[in-house]
Amino acid sequence: DQVLRITASDEEQITMLRVLGEQAELQVDFWRHPTSPGQPADLRVPFPSLQAVKIFLESNSISYSIMIEDVQELLDEEKKTMTKSRRVERSTSTFDFASYHTIDEV
């Protein structure tokens, strides 16, 4: 999946984005909903829907950029970091407060 950062320029484009979000077959997911013109909206798009979504945005002159190229790759990286982190003996001086931890680790 990719995450697109979308910026609507007017209320009409915001309405179009909301309609896009309601298309069940695309399985898109707003991480940050479109609220007002000029404010960015973040949309997770599954790879099979990517081309259709980009065509929709371009055909409606809605500007976007790719915020996250591959969500799964980031998830895999985070999981690897967590696994490696679990093998390290815990103490207050070595605990990584910037990383996600399971409730058992905390």
PDB file of N, CA and C in Angstrom:
ATOM      1  N   ASP A   1       0.837  -1.190   0.000  1.00  0.00           N
ATOM      2  CA  ASP A   1       0.000   0.000   0.000  1.00  0.00           C
ATOM      3  C   ASP A   1       0.878   1.248   0.000  1.00  0.00           C
ATOM      4  N   GLN A   2       0.319   2.333  -0.538  1.00  0.00           N
ATOM      5  CA  GLN A   2       0.993   3.626  -0.505  1.00  0.00           C
ATOM      6  C   GLN A   2       0.128   4.600   0.279  1.00  0.00           C
ATOM      7  N   VAL A   3       0.768   5.619   0.830  1.00  0.00           N
ATOM      8  CA  VAL A   3       0.021   6.705   1.453  1.00  0.00           C
ATOM      9  C   VAL A   3       0.280   7.956   0.614  1.00  0.00           C
ATOM     10  N   LEU A   4      -0.817   8.559   0.154  1.00  0.00           N
ATOM     11  CA  LEU A   4      -0.728   9.764  -0.650  1.00  0.00           C
ATOM     12  C   LEU A   4      -1.099  10.971   0.205  1.00  0.00           C
ATOM     13  N   ARG A   5      -0.352  12.042   0.066  1.00  0.00           N
ATOM     14  CA  ARG A   5      -0.715  13.317   0.698  1.00  0.00           C
ATOM     15  C   ARG A   5      -1.406  14.135  -0.381  1.00  0.00           C
ATOM     16  N   ILE A   6      -2.662  14.464  -0.122  1.00  0.00           N
ATOM     17  CA  ILE A   6      -3.513  15.119  -1.106  1.00  0.00           C
ATOM     18  C   ILE A   6      -3.892  16.501  -0.593  1.00  0.00           C
ATOM     19  N   THR A   7      -3.846  17.486  -1.486  1.00  0.00           N
ATOM     20  CA  THR A   7      -4.253  18.834  -1.094  1.00  0.00           C
ATOM     21  C   THR A   7      -5.343  19.312  -2.042  1.00  0.00           C
ATOM     22  N   ALA A   8      -6.534  19.466  -1.499  1.00  0.00           N
ATOM     23  CA  ALA A   8      -7.666  19.976  -2.277  1.00  0.00           C
ATOM     24  C   ALA A   8      -7.575  21.497  -2.334  1.00  0.00           C
ATOM     25  N   SER A   9      -7.906  22.072  -3.489  1.00  0.00           N
ATOM     26  CA  SER A   9      -7.793  23.524  -3.626  1.00  0.00           C
ATOM     27  C   SER A   9      -9.109  24.249  -3.364  1.00  0.00           C
ATOM     28  N   ASP A  10     -10.233  23.509  -3.348  1.00  0.00           N
ATOM     29  CA  ASP A  10     -11.516  24.166  -3.077  1.00  0.00           C
ATOM     30  C   ASP A  10     -12.514  23.152  -2.496  1.00  0.00           C
ATOM     31  N   GLU A  11     -13.679  23.645  -2.120  1.00  0.00           N
ATOM     32  CA  GLU A  11     -14.707  22.788  -1.502  1.00  0.00           C
ATOM     33  C   GLU A  11     -15.170  21.670  -2.434  1.00  0.00           C
ATOM     34  N   GLU A  12     -15.221  21.957  -3.724  1.00  0.00           N
ATOM     35  CA  GLU A  12     -15.644  20.943  -4.695  1.00  0.00           C
ATOM     36  C   GLU A  12     -14.695  19.749  -4.681  1.00  0.00           C
ATOM     37  N   GLN A  13     -13.385  20.028  -4.628  1.00  0.00           N
ATOM     38  CA  GLN A  13     -12.402  18.939  -4.573  1.00  0.00           C
ATOM     39  C   GLN A  13     -12.502  18.177  -3.261  1.00  0.00           C
ATOM     40  N   ILE A  14     -12.800  18.870  -2.168  1.00  0.00           N
ATOM     41  CA  ILE A  14     -12.976  18.185  -0.879  1.00  0.00           C
ATOM     42  C   ILE A  14     -14.153  17.220  -0.972  1.00  0.00           C
ATOM     43  N   THR A  15     -15.233  17.650  -1.586  1.00  0.00           N
ATOM     44  CA  THR A  15     -16.400  16.780  -1.783  1.00  0.00           C
ATOM     45  C   THR A  15     -16.013  15.571  -2.619  1.00  0.00           C
ATOM     46  N   MET A  16     -15.228  15.785  -3.683  1.00  0.00           N
ATOM     47  CA  MET A  16     -14.784  14.669  -4.536  1.00  0.00           C
ATOM     48  C   MET A  16     -13.931  13.677  -3.744  1.00  0.00           C
ATOM     49  N   LEU A  17     -13.086  14.188  -2.856  1.00  0.00           N
ATOM     50  CA  LEU A  17     -12.255  13.309  -2.030  1.00  0.00           C
ATOM     51  C   LEU A  17     -13.111  12.475  -1.080  1.00  0.00           C
ATOM     52  N   ARG A  18     -14.132  13.094  -0.536  1.00  0.00           N
ATOM     53  CA  ARG A  18     -15.035  12.340   0.353  1.00  0.00           C
ATOM     54  C   ARG A  18     -15.748  11.239  -0.417  1.00  0.00           C
ATOM     55  N   VAL A  19     -16.171  11.536  -1.639  1.00  0.00           N
ATOM     56  CA  VAL A  19     -16.812  10.527  -2.493  1.00  0.00           C
ATOM     57  C   VAL A  19     -15.818   9.404  -2.787  1.00  0.00           C
ATOM     58  N   LEU A  20     -14.569   9.766  -3.077  1.00  0.00           N
ATOM     59  CA  LEU A  20     -13.522   8.769  -3.322  1.00  0.00           C
ATOM     60  C   LEU A  20     -13.371   7.846  -2.121  1.00  0.00           C
ATOM     61  N   GLY A  21     -13.391   8.413  -0.920  1.00  0.00           N
ATOM     62  CA  GLY A  21     -13.249   7.633   0.306  1.00  0.00           C
ATOM     63  C   GLY A  21     -14.397   6.674   0.546  1.00  0.00           C
ATOM     64  N   GLU A  22     -15.549   6.951  -0.054  1.00  0.00           N
ATOM     65  CA  GLU A  22     -16.730   6.094   0.121  1.00  0.00           C
ATOM     66  C   GLU A  22     -16.810   4.957  -0.897  1.00  0.00           C
ATOM     67  N   GLN A  23     -15.884   4.911  -1.840  1.00  0.00           N
ATOM     68  CA  GLN A  23     -15.884   3.848  -2.846  1.00  0.00           C
ATOM     69  C   GLN A  23     -15.332   2.559  -2.225  1.00  0.00           C
ATOM     70  N   ALA A  24     -16.228   1.711  -1.758  1.00  0.00           N
ATOM     71  CA  ALA A  24     -15.839   0.498  -1.021  1.00  0.00           C
ATOM     72  C   ALA A  24     -14.888  -0.392  -1.813  1.00  0.00           C
ATOM     73  N   GLU A  25     -15.093  -0.486  -3.129  1.00  0.00           N
ATOM     74  CA  GLU A  25     -14.268  -1.395  -3.929  1.00  0.00           C
ATOM     75  C   GLU A  25     -12.798  -0.962  -3.991  1.00  0.00           C
ATOM     76  N   LEU A  26     -12.509   0.306  -3.729  1.00  0.00           N
ATOM     77  CA  LEU A  26     -11.121   0.781  -3.751  1.00  0.00           C
ATOM     78  C   LEU A  26     -10.390   0.472  -2.446  1.00  0.00           C
ATOM     79  N   GLN A  27     -11.134   0.273  -1.363  1.00  0.00           N
ATOM     80  CA  GLN A  27     -10.583  -0.047  -0.046  1.00  0.00           C
ATOM     81  C   GLN A  27      -9.550   0.976   0.429  1.00  0.00           C
ATOM     82  N   VAL A  28      -9.824   2.265   0.155  1.00  0.00           N
ATOM     83  CA  VAL A  28      -8.922   3.317   0.622  1.00  0.00           C
ATOM     84  C   VAL A  28      -9.276   3.685   2.060  1.00  0.00           C
ATOM     85  N   ASP A  29      -8.325   4.314   2.737  1.00  0.00           N
ATOM     86  CA  ASP A  29      -8.494   4.620   4.152  1.00  0.00           C
ATOM     87  C   ASP A  29      -7.852   5.972   4.438  1.00  0.00           C
ATOM     88  N   PHE A  30      -8.673   6.965   4.824  1.00  0.00           N
ATOM     89  CA  PHE A  30      -8.108   8.271   5.165  1.00  0.00           C
ATOM     90  C   PHE A  30      -7.414   8.196   6.516  1.00  0.00           C
ATOM     91  N   TRP A  31      -6.136   8.562   6.552  1.00  0.00           N
ATOM     92  CA  TRP A  31      -5.409   8.676   7.804  1.00  0.00           C
ATOM     93  C   TRP A  31      -5.586  10.078   8.371  1.00  0.00           C
ATOM     94  N   ARG A  32      -5.778  11.024   7.468  1.00  0.00           N
ATOM     95  CA  ARG A  32      -6.120  12.400   7.837  1.00  0.00           C
ATOM     96  C   ARG A  32      -7.177  12.831   6.831  1.00  0.00           C
ATOM     97  N   HIS A  33      -8.377  13.104   7.312  1.00  0.00           N
ATOM     98  CA  HIS A  33      -9.505  13.410   6.429  1.00  0.00           C
ATOM     99  C   HIS A  33      -9.388  14.800   5.823  1.00  0.00           C
ATOM    100  N   PRO A  34      -9.964  14.968   4.610  1.00  0.00           N
ATOM    101  CA  PRO A  34      -9.973  16.301   4.003  1.00  0.00           C
ATOM    102  C   PRO A  34     -10.917  17.204   4.793  1.00  0.00           C
ATOM    103  N   THR A  35     -10.438  18.363   5.224  1.00  0.00           N
ATOM    104  CA  THR A  35     -11.263  19.247   6.044  1.00  0.00           C
ATOM    105  C   THR A  35     -11.533  20.587   5.368  1.00  0.00           C
ATOM    106  N   SER A  36     -10.469  21.233   4.889  1.00  0.00           N
ATOM    107  CA  SER A  36     -10.672  22.522   4.241  1.00  0.00           C
ATOM    108  C   SER A  36      -9.620  22.715   3.144  1.00  0.00           C
ATOM    109  N   PRO A  37      -9.934  23.571   2.159  1.00  0.00           N
ATOM    110  CA  PRO A  37      -8.991  23.803   1.052  1.00  0.00           C
ATOM    111  C   PRO A  37      -7.607  24.206   1.562  1.00  0.00           C
ATOM    112  N   GLY A  38      -6.585  23.629   0.941  1.00  0.00           N
ATOM    113  CA  GLY A  38      -5.207  23.936   1.314  1.00  0.00           C
ATOM    114  C   GLY A  38      -4.666  23.089   2.447  1.00  0.00           C
ATOM    115  N   GLN A  39      -5.542  22.398   3.179  1.00  0.00           N
ATOM    116  CA  GLN A  39      -5.103  21.515   4.270  1.00  0.00           C
ATOM    117  C   GLN A  39      -4.860  20.114   3.708  1.00  0.00           C
ATOM    118  N   PRO A  40      -3.716  19.507   4.020  1.00  0.00           N
ATOM    119  CA  PRO A  40      -3.438  18.179   3.464  1.00  0.00           C
ATOM    120  C   PRO A  40      -4.331  17.087   4.051  1.00  0.00           C
ATOM    121  N   ALA A  41      -4.635  16.109   3.216  1.00  0.00           N
ATOM    122  CA  ALA A  41      -5.333  14.893   3.634  1.00  0.00           C
ATOM    123  C   ALA A  41      -4.406  13.735   3.292  1.00  0.00           C
ATOM    124  N   ASP A  42      -4.349  12.725   4.148  1.00  0.00           N
ATOM    125  CA  ASP A  42      -3.495  11.560   3.901  1.00  0.00           C
ATOM    126  C   ASP A  42      -4.377  10.351   3.658  1.00  0.00           C
ATOM    127  N   LEU A  43      -4.109   9.655   2.562  1.00  0.00           N
ATOM    128  CA  LEU A  43      -4.954   8.548   2.123  1.00  0.00           C
ATOM    129  C   LEU A  43      -4.116   7.303   1.874  1.00  0.00           C
ATOM    130  N   ARG A  44      -4.437   6.208   2.596  1.00  0.00           N
ATOM    131  CA  ARG A  44      -3.762   4.928   2.340  1.00  0.00           C
ATOM    132  C   ARG A  44      -4.502   4.247   1.198  1.00  0.00           C
ATOM    133  N   VAL A  45      -3.727   3.830   0.192  1.00  0.00           N
ATOM    134  CA  VAL A  45      -4.310   3.222  -1.001  1.00  0.00           C
ATOM    135  C   VAL A  45      -3.663   1.858  -1.235  1.00  0.00           C
ATOM    136  N   PRO A  46      -4.460   0.778  -1.272  1.00  0.00           N
ATOM    137  CA  PRO A  46      -3.895  -0.538  -1.579  1.00  0.00           C
ATOM    138  C   PRO A  46      -3.323  -0.537  -3.004  1.00  0.00           C
ATOM    139  N   PHE A  47      -2.242  -1.266  -3.217  1.00  0.00           N
ATOM    140  CA  PHE A  47      -1.602  -1.292  -4.537  1.00  0.00           C
ATOM    141  C   PHE A  47      -2.569  -1.592  -5.683  1.00  0.00           C
ATOM    142  N   PRO A  48      -3.521  -2.537  -5.540  1.00  0.00           N
ATOM    143  CA  PRO A  48      -4.433  -2.811  -6.667  1.00  0.00           C
ATOM    144  C   PRO A  48      -5.315  -1.611  -7.055  1.00  0.00           C
ATOM    145  N   SER A  49      -5.531  -0.670  -6.135  1.00  0.00           N
ATOM    146  CA  SER A  49      -6.383   0.495  -6.405  1.00  0.00           C
ATOM    147  C   SER A  49      -5.586   1.742  -6.793  1.00  0.00           C
ATOM    148  N   LEU A  50      -4.270   1.641  -6.708  1.00  0.00           N
ATOM    149  CA  LEU A  50      -3.412   2.818  -6.865  1.00  0.00           C
ATOM    150  C   LEU A  50      -3.614   3.546  -8.197  1.00  0.00           C
ATOM    151  N   GLN A  51      -3.610   2.804  -9.284  1.00  0.00           N
ATOM    152  CA  GLN A  51      -3.733   3.439 -10.596  1.00  0.00           C
ATOM    153  C   GLN A  51      -5.078   4.164 -10.726  1.00  0.00           C
ATOM    154  N   ALA A  52      -6.160   3.520 -10.303  1.00  0.00           N
ATOM    155  CA  ALA A  52      -7.495   4.121 -10.397  1.00  0.00           C
ATOM    156  C   ALA A  52      -7.578   5.400  -9.564  1.00  0.00           C
ATOM    157  N   VAL A  53      -6.998   5.376  -8.361  1.00  0.00           N
ATOM    158  CA  VAL A  53      -7.044   6.544  -7.481  1.00  0.00           C
ATOM    159  C   VAL A  53      -6.230   7.691  -8.084  1.00  0.00           C
ATOM    160  N   LYS A  54      -5.038   7.391  -8.591  1.00  0.00           N
ATOM    161  CA  LYS A  54      -4.200   8.442  -9.174  1.00  0.00           C
ATOM    162  C   LYS A  54      -4.862   9.039 -10.413  1.00  0.00           C
ATOM    163  N   ILE A  55      -5.483   8.206 -11.228  1.00  0.00           N
ATOM    164  CA  ILE A  55      -6.200   8.711 -12.410  1.00  0.00           C
ATOM    165  C   ILE A  55      -7.351   9.618 -11.972  1.00  0.00           C
ATOM    166  N   PHE A  56      -8.089   9.203 -10.938  1.00  0.00           N
ATOM    167  CA  PHE A  56      -9.189  10.018 -10.414  1.00  0.00           C
ATOM    168  C   PHE A  56      -8.676  11.386  -9.961  1.00  0.00           C
ATOM    169  N   LEU A  57      -7.586  11.386  -9.191  1.00  0.00           N
ATOM    170  CA  LEU A  57      -7.034  12.644  -8.685  1.00  0.00           C
ATOM    171  C   LEU A  57      -6.569  13.536  -9.837  1.00  0.00           C
ATOM    172  N   GLU A  58      -5.823  12.945 -10.768  1.00  0.00           N
ATOM    173  CA  GLU A  58      -5.297  13.728 -11.885  1.00  0.00           C
ATOM    174  C   GLU A  58      -6.415  14.259 -12.777  1.00  0.00           C
ATOM    175  N   SER A  59      -7.430  13.443 -13.035  1.00  0.00           N
ATOM    176  CA  SER A  59      -8.516  13.885 -13.919  1.00  0.00           C
ATOM    177  C   SER A  59      -9.368  14.980 -13.276  1.00  0.00           C
ATOM    178  N   ASN A  60      -9.297  15.099 -11.945  1.00  0.00           N
ATOM    179  CA  ASN A  60     -10.021  16.160 -11.239  1.00  0.00           C
ATOM    180  C   ASN A  60      -9.089  17.289 -10.787  1.00  0.00           C
ATOM    181  N   SER A  61      -7.865  17.284 -11.321  1.00  0.00           N
ATOM    182  CA  SER A  61      -6.853  18.320 -11.018  1.00  0.00           C
ATOM    183  C   SER A  61      -6.604  18.478  -9.519  1.00  0.00           C
ATOM    184  N   ILE A  62      -6.606  17.351  -8.806  1.00  0.00           N
ATOM    185  CA  ILE A  62      -6.329  17.369  -7.360  1.00  0.00           C
ATOM    186  C   ILE A  62      -4.861  16.987  -7.168  1.00  0.00           C
ATOM    187  N   SER A  63      -4.110  17.887  -6.536  1.00  0.00           N
ATOM    188  CA  SER A  63      -2.671  17.633  -6.397  1.00  0.00           C
ATOM    189  C   SER A  63      -2.400  16.633  -5.270  1.00  0.00           C
ATOM    190  N   TYR A  64      -1.392  15.805  -5.494  1.00  0.00           N
ATOM    191  CA  TYR A  64      -1.004  14.803  -4.495  1.00  0.00           C
ATOM    192  C   TYR A  64       0.482  14.519  -4.614  1.00  0.00           C
ATOM    193  N   SER A  65       1.026  13.959  -3.552  1.00  0.00           N
ATOM    194  CA  SER A  65       2.400  13.455  -3.578  1.00  0.00           C
ATOM    195  C   SER A  65       2.410  12.140  -2.805  1.00  0.00           C
ATOM    196  N   ILE A  66       3.442  11.348  -3.032  1.00  0.00           N
ATOM    197  CA  ILE A  66       3.557  10.066  -2.330  1.00  0.00           C
ATOM    198  C   ILE A  66       4.252  10.325  -1.000  1.00  0.00           C
ATOM    199  N   MET A  67       3.516  10.078   0.084  1.00  0.00           N
ATOM    200  CA  MET A  67       4.069  10.300   1.422  1.00  0.00           C
ATOM    201  C   MET A  67       4.829   9.055   1.897  1.00  0.00           C
ATOM    202  N   ILE A  68       4.228   7.877   1.702  1.00  0.00           N
ATOM    203  CA  ILE A  68       4.875   6.606   2.051  1.00  0.00           C
ATOM    204  C   ILE A  68       4.792   5.713   0.822  1.00  0.00           C
ATOM    205  N   GLU A  69       5.942   5.332   0.321  1.00  0.00           N
ATOM    206  CA  GLU A  69       6.019   4.526  -0.897  1.00  0.00           C
ATOM    207  C   GLU A  69       5.459   3.121  -0.696  1.00  0.00           C
ATOM    208  N   ASP A  70       5.823   2.501   0.438  1.00  0.00           N
ATOM    209  CA  ASP A  70       5.411   1.118   0.694  1.00  0.00           C
ATOM    210  C   ASP A  70       5.194   0.924   2.200  1.00  0.00           C
ATOM    211  N   VAL A  71       3.940   0.939   2.615  1.00  0.00           N
ATOM    212  CA  VAL A  71       3.596   0.820   4.038  1.00  0.00           C
ATOM    213  C   VAL A  71       4.107  -0.509   4.606  1.00  0.00           C
ATOM    214  N   GLN A  72       3.945  -1.591   3.861  1.00  0.00           N
ATOM    215  CA  GLN A  72       4.351  -2.909   4.354  1.00  0.00           C
ATOM    216  C   GLN A  72       5.844  -2.954   4.657  1.00  0.00           C
ATOM    217  N   GLU A  73       6.637  -2.301   3.824  1.00  0.00           N
ATOM    218  CA  GLU A  73       8.085  -2.260   4.046  1.00  0.00           C
ATOM    219  C   GLU A  73       8.401  -1.605   5.392  1.00  0.00           C
ATOM    220  N   LEU A  74       7.701  -0.508   5.706  1.00  0.00           N
ATOM    221  CA  LEU A  74       7.913   0.160   7.000  1.00  0.00           C
ATOM    222  C   LEU A  74       7.478  -0.720   8.162  1.00  0.00           C
ATOM    223  N   LEU A  75       6.349  -1.427   7.988  1.00  0.00           N
ATOM    224  CA  LEU A  75       5.877  -2.335   9.038  1.00  0.00           C
ATOM    225  C   LEU A  75       6.888  -3.454   9.283  1.00  0.00           C
ATOM    226  N   ASP A  76       7.431  -4.003   8.200  1.00  0.00           N
ATOM    227  CA  ASP A  76       8.434  -5.069   8.327  1.00  0.00           C
ATOM    228  C   ASP A  76       9.677  -4.567   9.056  1.00  0.00           C
ATOM    229  N   GLU A  77      10.108  -3.348   8.721  1.00  0.00           N
ATOM    230  CA  GLU A  77      11.269  -2.749   9.385  1.00  0.00           C
ATOM    231  C   GLU A  77      11.017  -2.584  10.882  1.00  0.00           C
ATOM    232  N   GLU A  78       9.828  -2.067  11.213  1.00  0.00           N
ATOM    233  CA  GLU A  78       9.470  -1.856  12.624  1.00  0.00           C
ATOM    234  C   GLU A  78       9.447  -3.180  13.377  1.00  0.00           C
ATOM    235  N   LYS A  79       8.902  -4.212  12.733  1.00  0.00           N
ATOM    236  CA  LYS A  79       8.828  -5.531  13.363  1.00  0.00           C
ATOM    237  C   LYS A  79      10.233  -6.078  13.621  1.00  0.00           C
ATOM    238  N   LYS A  80      11.129  -5.881  12.645  1.00  0.00           N
ATOM    239  CA  LYS A  80      12.512  -6.333  12.790  1.00  0.00           C
ATOM    240  C   LYS A  80      13.182  -5.613  13.962  1.00  0.00           C
ATOM    241  N   THR A  81      12.956  -4.316  14.063  1.00  0.00           N
ATOM    242  CA  THR A  81      13.526  -3.515  15.149  1.00  0.00           C
ATOM    243  C   THR A  81      12.993  -3.992  16.496  1.00  0.00           C
ATOM    244  N   MET A  82      11.682  -4.269  16.542  1.00  0.00           N
ATOM    245  CA  MET A  82      11.085  -4.748  17.796  1.00  0.00           C
ATOM    246  C   MET A  82      11.658  -6.103  18.196  1.00  0.00           C
ATOM    247  N   THR A  83      11.825  -6.992  17.231  1.00  0.00           N
ATOM    248  CA  THR A  83      12.365  -8.326  17.512  1.00  0.00           C
ATOM    249  C   THR A  83      13.788  -8.217  18.046  1.00  0.00           C
ATOM    250  N   LYS A  84      14.589  -7.375  17.384  1.00  0.00           N
ATOM    251  CA  LYS A  84      15.976  -7.174  17.821  1.00  0.00           C
ATOM    252  C   LYS A  84      15.996  -6.561  19.221  1.00  0.00           C
ATOM    253  N   SER A  85      15.104  -5.626  19.469  1.00  0.00           N
ATOM    254  CA  SER A  85      15.030  -4.933  20.752  1.00  0.00           C
ATOM    255  C   SER A  85      14.666  -5.894  21.891  1.00  0.00           C
ATOM    256  N   ARG A  86      13.847  -6.900  21.589  1.00  0.00           N
ATOM    257  CA  ARG A  86      13.431  -7.865  22.615  1.00  0.00           C
ATOM    258  C   ARG A  86      14.596  -8.708  23.120  1.00  0.00           C
ATOM    259  N   ARG A  87      15.607  -8.873  22.275  1.00  0.00           N
ATOM    260  CA  ARG A  87      16.738  -9.719  22.662  1.00  0.00           C
ATOM    261  C   ARG A  87      17.709  -9.000  23.597  1.00  0.00           C
ATOM    262  N   VAL A  88      17.573  -7.684  23.698  1.00  0.00           N
ATOM    263  CA  VAL A  88      18.468  -6.899  24.547  1.00  0.00           C
ATOM    264  C   VAL A  88      17.940  -6.914  25.975  1.00  0.00           C
ATOM    265  N   GLU A  89      18.838  -7.168  26.907  1.00  0.00           N
ATOM    266  CA  GLU A  89      18.424  -7.174  28.310  1.00  0.00           C
ATOM    267  C   GLU A  89      17.979  -5.767  28.715  1.00  0.00           C
ATOM    268  N   ARG A  90      16.897  -5.697  29.465  1.00  0.00           N
ATOM    269  CA  ARG A  90      16.289  -4.408  29.814  1.00  0.00           C
ATOM    270  C   ARG A  90      16.908  -3.779  31.061  1.00  0.00           C
ATOM    271  N   SER A  91      17.133  -2.498  30.953  1.00  0.00           N
ATOM    272  CA  SER A  91      17.448  -1.674  32.124  1.00  0.00           C
ATOM    273  C   SER A  91      16.977  -0.274  31.772  1.00  0.00           C
ATOM    274  N   THR A  92      16.843   0.575  32.747  1.00  0.00           N
ATOM    275  CA  THR A  92      16.351   1.926  32.453  1.00  0.00           C
ATOM    276  C   THR A  92      17.315   2.704  31.566  1.00  0.00           C
ATOM    277  N   SER A  93      18.579   2.364  31.606  1.00  0.00           N
ATOM    278  CA  SER A  93      19.547   3.101  30.787  1.00  0.00           C
ATOM    279  C   SER A  93      19.548   2.645  29.324  1.00  0.00           C
ATOM    280  N   THR A  94      19.077   1.410  29.054  1.00  0.00           N
ATOM    281  CA  THR A  94      19.091   0.923  27.668  1.00  0.00           C
ATOM    282  C   THR A  94      17.706   0.845  27.042  1.00  0.00           C
ATOM    283  N   PHE A  95      16.643   1.107  27.800  1.00  0.00           N
ATOM    284  CA  PHE A  95      15.282   1.022  27.269  1.00  0.00           C
ATOM    285  C   PHE A  95      15.076   2.112  26.224  1.00  0.00           C
ATOM    286  N   ASP A  96      14.569   1.721  25.058  1.00  0.00           N
ATOM    287  CA  ASP A  96      14.356   2.677  23.965  1.00  0.00           C
ATOM    288  C   ASP A  96      12.931   3.218  24.044  1.00  0.00           C
ATOM    289  N   PHE A  97      12.798   4.411  24.572  1.00  0.00           N
ATOM    290  CA  PHE A  97      11.477   5.016  24.744  1.00  0.00           C
ATOM    291  C   PHE A  97      10.899   5.510  23.421  1.00  0.00           C
ATOM    292  N   ALA A  98      11.708   5.606  22.380  1.00  0.00           N
ATOM    293  CA  ALA A  98      11.238   6.110  21.088  1.00  0.00           C
ATOM    294  C   ALA A  98      10.636   5.004  20.226  1.00  0.00           C
ATOM    295  N   SER A  99      10.763   3.755  20.634  1.00  0.00           N
ATOM    296  CA  SER A  99      10.245   2.636  19.847  1.00  0.00           C
ATOM    297  C   SER A  99       8.963   2.099  20.451  1.00  0.00           C
ATOM    298  N   TYR A 100       8.162   1.456  19.586  1.00  0.00           N
ATOM    299  CA  TYR A 100       6.941   0.811  20.060  1.00  0.00           C
ATOM    300  C   TYR A 100       7.310  -0.444  20.833  1.00  0.00           C
ATOM    301  N   HIS A 101       6.621  -0.686  21.966  1.00  0.00           N
ATOM    302  CA  HIS A 101       6.844  -1.879  22.760  1.00  0.00           C
ATOM    303  C   HIS A 101       5.518  -2.532  23.089  1.00  0.00           C
ATOM    304  N   THR A 102       5.514  -3.849  23.185  1.00  0.00           N
ATOM    305  CA  THR A 102       4.304  -4.549  23.593  1.00  0.00           C
ATOM    306  C   THR A 102       4.082  -4.276  25.076  1.00  0.00           C
ATOM    307  N   ILE A 103       2.898  -4.547  25.560  1.00  0.00           N
ATOM    308  CA  ILE A 103       2.573  -4.320  26.976  1.00  0.00           C
ATOM    309  C   ILE A 103       3.455  -5.184  27.870  1.00  0.00           C
ATOM    310  N   ASP A 104       3.804  -6.404  27.402  1.00  0.00           N
ATOM    311  CA  ASP A 104       4.673  -7.289  28.183  1.00  0.00           C
ATOM    312  C   ASP A 104       6.075  -6.686  28.368  1.00  0.00           C
ATOM    313  N   GLU A 105       6.560  -6.026  27.340  1.00  0.00           N
ATOM    314  CA  GLU A 105       7.892  -5.434  27.428  1.00  0.00           C
ATOM    315  C   GLU A 105       7.914  -4.246  28.386  1.00  0.00           C
ATOM    316  N   VAL A 106       6.834  -3.497  28.410  1.00  0.00           N
ATOM    317  CA  VAL A 106       6.771  -2.321  29.265  1.00  0.00           C
ATOM    318  C   VAL A 106       6.641  -2.777  30.707  1.00  0.00           C
TER     319      VAL A 106
END
